[in-house]
Amino acid sequence: MAGDTDSPGRSLRLFVETGGCSGLQYGMSFDLPKEGDQAFESEGMTILVDGVALSQLSGSSIDFDDGLQGKGFEIKNPNAKTTCGCGKSFN
């Protein structure tokens, strides 16, 4: 992903895919907007979410934890019935 942030028009994409120990997992990448995306602004960053993931992520918040454990991005999803201890997988 190195250099992706230098490409004009790219935004942070938040998506959901099959996998992880709970059935679904979160993913992030830098991407260009696509038809059907919803765009959200937060602290000067545009976040893209496609229509399918939007229903699974509605009401979610994203935080970056750079504490002693260096955890990275943390997604708090009120739609998740169960989550994995790693915080990247849900059902």
PDB file of N, CA and C in Angstrom:
ATOM      1  N   MET A   1       0.802  -1.186   0.000  1.00  0.00           N
ATOM      2  CA  MET A   1       0.000   0.000   0.000  1.00  0.00           C
ATOM      3  C   MET A   1       0.853   1.261   0.000  1.00  0.00           C
ATOM      4  N   ALA A   2       2.138   1.110   0.091  1.00  0.00           N
ATOM      5  CA  ALA A   2       2.999   2.282   0.125  1.00  0.00           C
ATOM      6  C   ALA A   2       2.776   3.131  -1.109  1.00  0.00           C
ATOM      7  N   GLY A   3       2.659   4.418  -0.908  1.00  0.00           N
ATOM      8  CA  GLY A   3       2.479   5.338  -2.012  1.00  0.00           C
ATOM      9  C   GLY A   3       1.031   5.552  -2.419  1.00  0.00           C
ATOM     10  N   ASP A   4       0.118   4.707  -1.957  1.00  0.00           N
ATOM     11  CA  ASP A   4      -1.281   4.838  -2.344  1.00  0.00           C
ATOM     12  C   ASP A   4      -1.890   6.163  -1.917  1.00  0.00           C
ATOM     13  N   THR A   5      -1.444   6.687  -0.796  1.00  0.00           N
ATOM     14  CA  THR A   5      -2.023   7.933  -0.298  1.00  0.00           C
ATOM     15  C   THR A   5      -1.599   9.119  -1.145  1.00  0.00           C
ATOM     16  N   ASP A   6      -0.552   8.961  -1.986  1.00  0.00           N
ATOM     17  CA  ASP A   6      -0.084  10.051  -2.836  1.00  0.00           C
ATOM     18  C   ASP A   6      -0.909  10.179  -4.106  1.00  0.00           C
ATOM     19  N   SER A   7      -1.724   9.189  -4.432  1.00  0.00           N
ATOM     20  CA  SER A   7      -2.515   9.207  -5.653  1.00  0.00           C
ATOM     21  C   SER A   7      -3.720  10.110  -5.480  1.00  0.00           C
ATOM     22  N   PRO A   8      -3.896  11.075  -6.379  1.00  0.00           N
ATOM     23  CA  PRO A   8      -5.033  11.994  -6.255  1.00  0.00           C
ATOM     24  C   PRO A   8      -6.371  11.260  -6.335  1.00  0.00           C
ATOM     25  N   GLY A   9      -7.326  11.720  -5.546  1.00  0.00           N
ATOM     26  CA  GLY A   9      -8.674  11.176  -5.595  1.00  0.00           C
ATOM     27  C   GLY A   9      -8.902   9.934  -4.760  1.00  0.00           C
ATOM     28  N   ARG A  10      -7.860   9.395  -4.162  1.00  0.00           N
ATOM     29  CA  ARG A  10      -8.033   8.187  -3.347  1.00  0.00           C
ATOM     30  C   ARG A  10      -8.490   8.567  -1.944  1.00  0.00           C
ATOM     31  N   SER A  11      -9.327   7.701  -1.394  1.00  0.00           N
ATOM     32  CA  SER A  11      -9.851   7.895  -0.044  1.00  0.00           C
ATOM     33  C   SER A  11      -9.706   6.585   0.713  1.00  0.00           C
ATOM     34  N   LEU A  12      -9.939   6.636   1.996  1.00  0.00           N
ATOM     35  CA  LEU A  12      -9.893   5.433   2.813  1.00  0.00           C
ATOM     36  C   LEU A  12     -11.192   4.665   2.622  1.00  0.00           C
ATOM     37  N   ARG A  13     -11.098   3.412   2.193  1.00  0.00           N
ATOM     38  CA  ARG A  13     -12.274   2.555   2.019  1.00  0.00           C
ATOM     39  C   ARG A  13     -12.350   1.605   3.213  1.00  0.00           C
ATOM     40  N   LEU A  14     -13.520   1.561   3.831  1.00  0.00           N
ATOM     41  CA  LEU A  14     -13.811   0.611   4.904  1.00  0.00           C
ATOM     42  C   LEU A  14     -14.769  -0.417   4.324  1.00  0.00           C
ATOM     43  N   PHE A  15     -14.415  -1.697   4.443  1.00  0.00           N
ATOM     44  CA  PHE A  15     -15.254  -2.728   3.857  1.00  0.00           C
ATOM     45  C   PHE A  15     -15.380  -3.924   4.794  1.00  0.00           C
ATOM     46  N   VAL A  16     -16.310  -4.795   4.463  1.00  0.00           N
ATOM     47  CA  VAL A  16     -16.551  -6.024   5.221  1.00  0.00           C
ATOM     48  C   VAL A  16     -16.403  -7.173   4.239  1.00  0.00           C
ATOM     49  N   GLU A  17     -15.698  -8.223   4.664  1.00  0.00           N
ATOM     50  CA  GLU A  17     -15.542  -9.394   3.820  1.00  0.00           C
ATOM     51  C   GLU A  17     -15.687 -10.657   4.657  1.00  0.00           C
ATOM     52  N   THR A  18     -15.960 -11.767   3.994  1.00  0.00           N
ATOM     53  CA  THR A  18     -16.065 -13.045   4.674  1.00  0.00           C
ATOM     54  C   THR A  18     -14.688 -13.449   5.161  1.00  0.00           C
ATOM     55  N   GLY A  19     -14.630 -13.941   6.403  1.00  0.00           N
ATOM     56  CA  GLY A  19     -13.361 -14.400   6.954  1.00  0.00           C
ATOM     57  C   GLY A  19     -13.281 -14.113   8.433  1.00  0.00           C
ATOM     58  N   GLY A  20     -12.117 -14.314   8.973  1.00  0.00           N
ATOM     59  CA  GLY A  20     -11.910 -14.105  10.397  1.00  0.00           C
ATOM     60  C   GLY A  20     -12.528 -15.225  11.206  1.00  0.00           C
ATOM     61  N   CYS A  21     -12.333 -15.207  12.481  1.00  0.00           N
ATOM     62  CA  CYS A  21     -12.810 -16.298  13.336  1.00  0.00           C
ATOM     63  C   CYS A  21     -14.273 -16.146  13.730  1.00  0.00           C
ATOM     64  N   SER A  22     -14.907 -15.013  13.415  1.00  0.00           N
ATOM     65  CA  SER A  22     -16.327 -14.829  13.748  1.00  0.00           C
ATOM     66  C   SER A  22     -17.226 -14.832  12.515  1.00  0.00           C
ATOM     67  N   GLY A  23     -16.664 -15.001  11.330  1.00  0.00           N
ATOM     68  CA  GLY A  23     -17.468 -15.085  10.109  1.00  0.00           C
ATOM     69  C   GLY A  23     -17.291 -13.926   9.160  1.00  0.00           C
ATOM     70  N   LEU A  24     -17.175 -12.707   9.678  1.00  0.00           N
ATOM     71  CA  LEU A  24     -16.953 -11.515   8.866  1.00  0.00           C
ATOM     72  C   LEU A  24     -15.776 -10.757   9.442  1.00  0.00           C
ATOM     73  N   GLN A  25     -15.077 -10.028   8.585  1.00  0.00           N
ATOM     74  CA  GLN A  25     -13.967  -9.228   9.089  1.00  0.00           C
ATOM     75  C   GLN A  25     -13.934  -7.874   8.405  1.00  0.00           C
ATOM     76  N   TYR A  26     -13.378  -6.901   9.109  1.00  0.00           N
ATOM     77  CA  TYR A  26     -13.237  -5.550   8.582  1.00  0.00           C
ATOM     78  C   TYR A  26     -11.979  -5.484   7.727  1.00  0.00           C
ATOM     79  N   GLY A  27     -12.013  -4.609   6.748  1.00  0.00           N
ATOM     80  CA  GLY A  27     -10.840  -4.337   5.941  1.00  0.00           C
ATOM     81  C   GLY A  27     -10.780  -2.864   5.606  1.00  0.00           C
ATOM     82  N   MET A  28      -9.575  -2.391   5.300  1.00  0.00           N
ATOM     83  CA  MET A  28      -9.365  -1.002   4.910  1.00  0.00           C
ATOM     84  C   MET A  28      -8.357  -0.964   3.776  1.00  0.00           C
ATOM     85  N   SER A  29      -8.578  -0.039   2.862  1.00  0.00           N
ATOM     86  CA  SER A  29      -7.628   0.180   1.776  1.00  0.00           C
ATOM     87  C   SER A  29      -7.802   1.603   1.274  1.00  0.00           C
ATOM     88  N   PHE A  30      -6.863   2.061   0.470  1.00  0.00           N
ATOM     89  CA  PHE A  30      -7.023   3.341  -0.200  1.00  0.00           C
ATOM     90  C   PHE A  30      -7.564   3.041  -1.585  1.00  0.00           C
ATOM     91  N   ASP A  31      -8.625   3.760  -1.983  1.00  0.00           N
ATOM     92  CA  ASP A  31      -9.314   3.426  -3.215  1.00  0.00           C
ATOM     93  C   ASP A  31      -9.966   4.675  -3.797  1.00  0.00           C
ATOM     94  N   LEU A  32     -10.328   4.573  -5.062  1.00  0.00           N
ATOM     95  CA  LEU A  32     -11.092   5.625  -5.725  1.00  0.00           C
ATOM     96  C   LEU A  32     -12.578   5.392  -5.471  1.00  0.00           C
ATOM     97  N   PRO A  33     -13.379   6.446  -5.428  1.00  0.00           N
ATOM     98  CA  PRO A  33     -14.821   6.284  -5.249  1.00  0.00           C
ATOM     99  C   PRO A  33     -15.429   5.473  -6.386  1.00  0.00           C
ATOM    100  N   LYS A  34     -16.430   4.660  -6.046  1.00  0.00           N
ATOM    101  CA  LYS A  34     -17.153   3.844  -7.025  1.00  0.00           C
ATOM    102  C   LYS A  34     -18.638   4.156  -6.928  1.00  0.00           C
ATOM    103  N   GLU A  35     -19.367   3.828  -7.998  1.00  0.00           N
ATOM    104  CA  GLU A  35     -20.804   4.052  -8.000  1.00  0.00           C
ATOM    105  C   GLU A  35     -21.442   3.270  -6.859  1.00  0.00           C
ATOM    106  N   GLY A  36     -22.335   3.919  -6.127  1.00  0.00           N
ATOM    107  CA  GLY A  36     -23.022   3.276  -5.012  1.00  0.00           C
ATOM    108  C   GLY A  36     -22.342   3.477  -3.666  1.00  0.00           C
ATOM    109  N   ASP A  37     -21.151   4.084  -3.666  1.00  0.00           N
ATOM    110  CA  ASP A  37     -20.457   4.353  -2.401  1.00  0.00           C
ATOM    111  C   ASP A  37     -21.130   5.479  -1.633  1.00  0.00           C
ATOM    112  N   GLN A  38     -21.053   5.406  -0.339  1.00  0.00           N
ATOM    113  CA  GLN A  38     -21.396   6.523   0.529  1.00  0.00           C
ATOM    114  C   GLN A  38     -20.076   7.097   1.022  1.00  0.00           C
ATOM    115  N   ALA A  39     -19.947   8.397   1.010  1.00  0.00           N
ATOM    116  CA  ALA A  39     -18.727   9.057   1.462  1.00  0.00           C
ATOM    117  C   ALA A  39     -19.013   9.810   2.753  1.00  0.00           C
ATOM    118  N   PHE A  40     -18.098   9.670   3.703  1.00  0.00           N
ATOM    119  CA  PHE A  40     -18.196  10.338   4.993  1.00  0.00           C
ATOM    120  C   PHE A  40     -16.900  11.104   5.227  1.00  0.00           C
ATOM    121  N   GLU A  41     -16.991  12.253   5.850  1.00  0.00           N
ATOM    122  CA  GLU A  41     -15.819  13.058   6.181  1.00  0.00           C
ATOM    123  C   GLU A  41     -15.570  12.981   7.677  1.00  0.00           C
ATOM    124  N   SER A  42     -14.323  12.785   8.050  1.00  0.00           N
ATOM    125  CA  SER A  42     -13.952  12.789   9.457  1.00  0.00           C
ATOM    126  C   SER A  42     -12.532  13.306   9.597  1.00  0.00           C
ATOM    127  N   GLU A  43     -12.371  14.405  10.292  1.00  0.00           N
ATOM    128  CA  GLU A  43     -11.077  15.016  10.557  1.00  0.00           C
ATOM    129  C   GLU A  43     -10.250  15.188   9.289  1.00  0.00           C
ATOM    130  N   GLY A  44     -10.924  15.654   8.219  1.00  0.00           N
ATOM    131  CA  GLY A  44     -10.247  15.934   6.970  1.00  0.00           C
ATOM    132  C   GLY A  44     -10.019  14.727   6.071  1.00  0.00           C
ATOM    133  N   MET A  45     -10.469  13.557   6.462  1.00  0.00           N
ATOM    134  CA  MET A  45     -10.291  12.338   5.672  1.00  0.00           C
ATOM    135  C   MET A  45     -11.643  11.897   5.142  1.00  0.00           C
ATOM    136  N   THR A  46     -11.682  11.511   3.872  1.00  0.00           N
ATOM    137  CA  THR A  46     -12.895  10.954   3.285  1.00  0.00           C
ATOM    138  C   THR A  46     -12.857   9.447   3.463  1.00  0.00           C
ATOM    139  N   ILE A  47     -13.956   8.886   3.966  1.00  0.00           N
ATOM    140  CA  ILE A  47     -14.083   7.448   4.170  1.00  0.00           C
ATOM    141  C   ILE A  47     -15.189   6.957   3.250  1.00  0.00           C
ATOM    142  N   LEU A  48     -14.884   5.951   2.443  1.00  0.00           N
ATOM    143  CA  LEU A  48     -15.833   5.370   1.504  1.00  0.00           C
ATOM    144  C   LEU A  48     -16.358   4.049   2.036  1.00  0.00           C
ATOM    145  N   VAL A  49     -17.664   3.820   1.885  1.00  0.00           N
ATOM    146  CA  VAL A  49     -18.296   2.562   2.280  1.00  0.00           C
ATOM    147  C   VAL A  49     -19.300   2.201   1.195  1.00  0.00           C
ATOM    148  N   ASP A  50     -19.225   0.947   0.695  1.00  0.00           N
ATOM    149  CA  ASP A  50     -20.192   0.544  -0.329  1.00  0.00           C
ATOM    150  C   ASP A  50     -21.531   0.222   0.323  1.00  0.00           C
ATOM    151  N   GLY A  51     -22.572   0.112  -0.497  1.00  0.00           N
ATOM    152  CA  GLY A  51     -23.933  -0.084   0.003  1.00  0.00           C
ATOM    153  C   GLY A  51     -24.128  -1.338   0.822  1.00  0.00           C
ATOM    154  N   VAL A  52     -23.468  -2.436   0.454  1.00  0.00           N
ATOM    155  CA  VAL A  52     -23.605  -3.689   1.192  1.00  0.00           C
ATOM    156  C   VAL A  52     -22.989  -3.558   2.588  1.00  0.00           C
ATOM    157  N   ALA A  53     -21.778  -3.028   2.651  1.00  0.00           N
ATOM    158  CA  ALA A  53     -21.100  -2.875   3.939  1.00  0.00           C
ATOM    159  C   ALA A  53     -21.784  -1.828   4.813  1.00  0.00           C
ATOM    160  N   LEU A  54     -22.414  -0.840   4.179  1.00  0.00           N
ATOM    161  CA  LEU A  54     -23.043   0.236   4.940  1.00  0.00           C
ATOM    162  C   LEU A  54     -24.079  -0.298   5.919  1.00  0.00           C
ATOM    163  N   SER A  55     -24.872  -1.280   5.501  1.00  0.00           N
ATOM    164  CA  SER A  55     -25.886  -1.826   6.405  1.00  0.00           C
ATOM    165  C   SER A  55     -25.247  -2.564   7.584  1.00  0.00           C
ATOM    166  N   GLN A  56     -24.072  -3.147   7.374  1.00  0.00           N
ATOM    167  CA  GLN A  56     -23.387  -3.869   8.450  1.00  0.00           C
ATOM    168  C   GLN A  56     -22.589  -2.936   9.349  1.00  0.00           C
ATOM    169  N   LEU A  57     -22.280  -1.739   8.853  1.00  0.00           N
ATOM    170  CA  LEU A  57     -21.446  -0.796   9.594  1.00  0.00           C
ATOM    171  C   LEU A  57     -22.201   0.421  10.105  1.00  0.00           C
ATOM    172  N   SER A  58     -23.496   0.497   9.839  1.00  0.00           N
ATOM    173  CA  SER A  58     -24.285   1.657  10.246  1.00  0.00           C
ATOM    174  C   SER A  58     -24.149   1.913  11.746  1.00  0.00           C
ATOM    175  N   GLY A  59     -23.807   3.133  12.096  1.00  0.00           N
ATOM    176  CA  GLY A  59     -23.650   3.506  13.497  1.00  0.00           C
ATOM    177  C   GLY A  59     -22.283   3.209  14.075  1.00  0.00           C
ATOM    178  N   SER A  60     -21.383   2.657  13.283  1.00  0.00           N
ATOM    179  CA  SER A  60     -20.049   2.299  13.764  1.00  0.00           C
ATOM    180  C   SER A  60     -19.165   3.529  13.920  1.00  0.00           C
ATOM    181  N   SER A  61     -18.175   3.405  14.770  1.00  0.00           N
ATOM    182  CA  SER A  61     -17.165   4.449  14.907  1.00  0.00           C
ATOM    183  C   SER A  61     -15.789   3.811  14.744  1.00  0.00           C
ATOM    184  N   ILE A  62     -14.854   4.597  14.224  1.00  0.00           N
ATOM    185  CA  ILE A  62     -13.486   4.137  14.011  1.00  0.00           C
ATOM    186  C   ILE A  62     -12.573   5.003  14.853  1.00  0.00           C
ATOM    187  N   ASP A  63     -11.684   4.361  15.576  1.00  0.00           N
ATOM    188  CA  ASP A  63     -10.720   5.076  16.400  1.00  0.00           C
ATOM    189  C   ASP A  63      -9.347   4.496  16.113  1.00  0.00           C
ATOM    190  N   PHE A  64      -8.317   5.298  16.273  1.00  0.00           N
ATOM    191  CA  PHE A  64      -6.957   4.805  16.113  1.00  0.00           C
ATOM    192  C   PHE A  64      -6.303   4.771  17.476  1.00  0.00           C
ATOM    193  N   ASP A  65      -5.887   3.598  17.898  1.00  0.00           N
ATOM    194  CA  ASP A  65      -5.242   3.405  19.198  1.00  0.00           C
ATOM    195  C   ASP A  65      -3.747   3.247  18.972  1.00  0.00           C
ATOM    196  N   ASP A  66      -2.989   4.232  19.422  1.00  0.00           N
ATOM    197  CA  ASP A  66      -1.535   4.134  19.288  1.00  0.00           C
ATOM    198  C   ASP A  66      -0.872   3.997  20.652  1.00  0.00           C
ATOM    199  N   GLY A  67      -1.577   3.324  21.564  1.00  0.00           N
ATOM    200  CA  GLY A  67      -1.092   3.121  22.921  1.00  0.00           C
ATOM    201  C   GLY A  67       0.071   2.150  22.981  1.00  0.00           C
ATOM    202  N   LEU A  68       0.380   1.708  24.163  1.00  0.00           N
ATOM    203  CA  LEU A  68       1.527   0.839  24.396  1.00  0.00           C
ATOM    204  C   LEU A  68       1.451  -0.472  23.624  1.00  0.00           C
ATOM    205  N   GLN A  69       0.253  -0.965  23.387  1.00  0.00           N
ATOM    206  CA  GLN A  69       0.105  -2.224  22.673  1.00  0.00           C
ATOM    207  C   GLN A  69       0.112  -2.030  21.160  1.00  0.00           C
ATOM    208  N   GLY A  70       0.084  -0.784  20.678  1.00  0.00           N
ATOM    209  CA  GLY A  70       0.136  -0.506  19.252  1.00  0.00           C
ATOM    210  C   GLY A  70      -0.949  -1.207  18.466  1.00  0.00           C
ATOM    211  N   LYS A  71      -2.157  -1.155  18.966  1.00  0.00           N
ATOM    212  CA  LYS A  71      -3.267  -1.917  18.414  1.00  0.00           C
ATOM    213  C   LYS A  71      -3.678  -1.488  17.005  1.00  0.00           C
ATOM    214  N   GLY A  72      -3.619  -0.222  16.666  1.00  0.00           N
ATOM    215  CA  GLY A  72      -4.033   0.257  15.344  1.00  0.00           C
ATOM    216  C   GLY A  72      -5.480   0.719  15.340  1.00  0.00           C
ATOM    217  N   PHE A  73      -6.162   0.511  14.201  1.00  0.00           N
ATOM    218  CA  PHE A  73      -7.550   0.949  14.081  1.00  0.00           C
ATOM    219  C   PHE A  73      -8.476   0.034  14.874  1.00  0.00           C
ATOM    220  N   GLU A  74      -9.429   0.651  15.548  1.00  0.00           N
ATOM    221  CA  GLU A  74     -10.425  -0.078  16.325  1.00  0.00           C
ATOM    222  C   GLU A  74     -11.803   0.351  15.836  1.00  0.00           C
ATOM    223  N   ILE A  75     -12.618  -0.623  15.445  1.00  0.00           N
ATOM    224  CA  ILE A  75     -13.966  -0.347  14.955  1.00  0.00           C
ATOM    225  C   ILE A  75     -14.967  -0.788  16.005  1.00  0.00           C
ATOM    226  N   LYS A  76     -15.805   0.141  16.444  1.00  0.00           N
ATOM    227  CA  LYS A  76     -16.869  -0.164  17.404  1.00  0.00           C
ATOM    228  C   LYS A  76     -18.160  -0.241  16.610  1.00  0.00           C
ATOM    229  N   ASN A  77     -18.704  -1.447  16.492  1.00  0.00           N
ATOM    230  CA  ASN A  77     -19.851  -1.699  15.633  1.00  0.00           C
ATOM    231  C   ASN A  77     -21.049  -2.151  16.469  1.00  0.00           C
ATOM    232  N   PRO A  78     -22.084  -1.307  16.592  1.00  0.00           N
ATOM    233  CA  PRO A  78     -23.255  -1.685  17.384  1.00  0.00           C
ATOM    234  C   PRO A  78     -24.081  -2.803  16.743  1.00  0.00           C
ATOM    235  N   ASN A  79     -23.822  -3.134  15.479  1.00  0.00           N
ATOM    236  CA  ASN A  79     -24.556  -4.188  14.778  1.00  0.00           C
ATOM    237  C   ASN A  79     -23.953  -5.576  14.991  1.00  0.00           C
ATOM    238  N   ALA A  80     -22.754  -5.638  15.539  1.00  0.00           N
ATOM    239  CA  ALA A  80     -22.075  -6.920  15.728  1.00  0.00           C
ATOM    240  C   ALA A  80     -22.737  -7.700  16.857  1.00  0.00           C
ATOM    241  N   LYS A  81     -23.166  -8.921  16.565  1.00  0.00           N
ATOM    242  CA  LYS A  81     -23.756  -9.784  17.591  1.00  0.00           C
ATOM    243  C   LYS A  81     -22.664 -10.373  18.471  1.00  0.00           C
ATOM    244  N   THR A  82     -21.577 -10.797  17.839  1.00  0.00           N
ATOM    245  CA  THR A  82     -20.408 -11.298  18.562  1.00  0.00           C
ATOM    246  C   THR A  82     -19.171 -10.728  17.895  1.00  0.00           C
ATOM    247  N   THR A  83     -18.097 -10.609  18.650  1.00  0.00           N
ATOM    248  CA  THR A  83     -16.822 -10.152  18.113  1.00  0.00           C
ATOM    249  C   THR A  83     -15.717 -11.083  18.582  1.00  0.00           C
ATOM    250  N   CYS A  84     -14.622 -11.023  17.874  1.00  0.00           N
ATOM    251  CA  CYS A  84     -13.452 -11.823  18.208  1.00  0.00           C
ATOM    252  C   CYS A  84     -12.545 -10.995  19.129  1.00  0.00           C
ATOM    253  N   GLY A  85     -11.715 -11.653  19.867  1.00  0.00           N
ATOM    254  CA  GLY A  85     -10.793 -10.969  20.754  1.00  0.00           C
ATOM    255  C   GLY A  85      -9.824 -10.041  20.020  1.00  0.00           C
ATOM    256  N   CYS A  86      -9.577 -10.307  18.742  1.00  0.00           N
ATOM    257  CA  CYS A  86      -8.638  -9.475  17.973  1.00  0.00           C
ATOM    258  C   CYS A  86      -9.257  -8.137  17.584  1.00  0.00           C
ATOM    259  N   GLY A  87     -10.601  -8.040  17.618  1.00  0.00           N
ATOM    260  CA  GLY A  87     -11.286  -6.799  17.269  1.00  0.00           C
ATOM    261  C   GLY A  87     -11.451  -6.570  15.785  1.00  0.00           C
ATOM    262  N   LYS A  88     -11.023  -7.510  14.940  1.00  0.00           N
ATOM    263  CA  LYS A  88     -11.119  -7.345  13.503  1.00  0.00           C
ATOM    264  C   LYS A  88     -12.167  -8.264  12.877  1.00  0.00           C
ATOM    265  N   SER A  89     -12.793  -9.098  13.674  1.00  0.00           N
ATOM    266  CA  SER A  89     -13.753 -10.061  13.171  1.00  0.00           C
ATOM    267  C   SER A  89     -15.047  -9.955  13.974  1.00  0.00           C
ATOM    268  N   PHE A  90     -16.177 -10.158  13.295  1.00  0.00           N
ATOM    269  CA  PHE A  90     -17.468 -10.045  13.959  1.00  0.00           C
ATOM    270  C   PHE A  90     -18.504 -10.906  13.265  1.00  0.00           C
ATOM    271  N   ASN A  91     -19.669 -11.005  13.885  1.00  0.00           N
ATOM    272  CA  ASN A  91     -20.771 -11.751  13.321  1.00  0.00           C
ATOM    273  C   ASN A  91     -22.044 -10.949  13.557  1.00  0.00           C
TER     274      ASN A  91
END
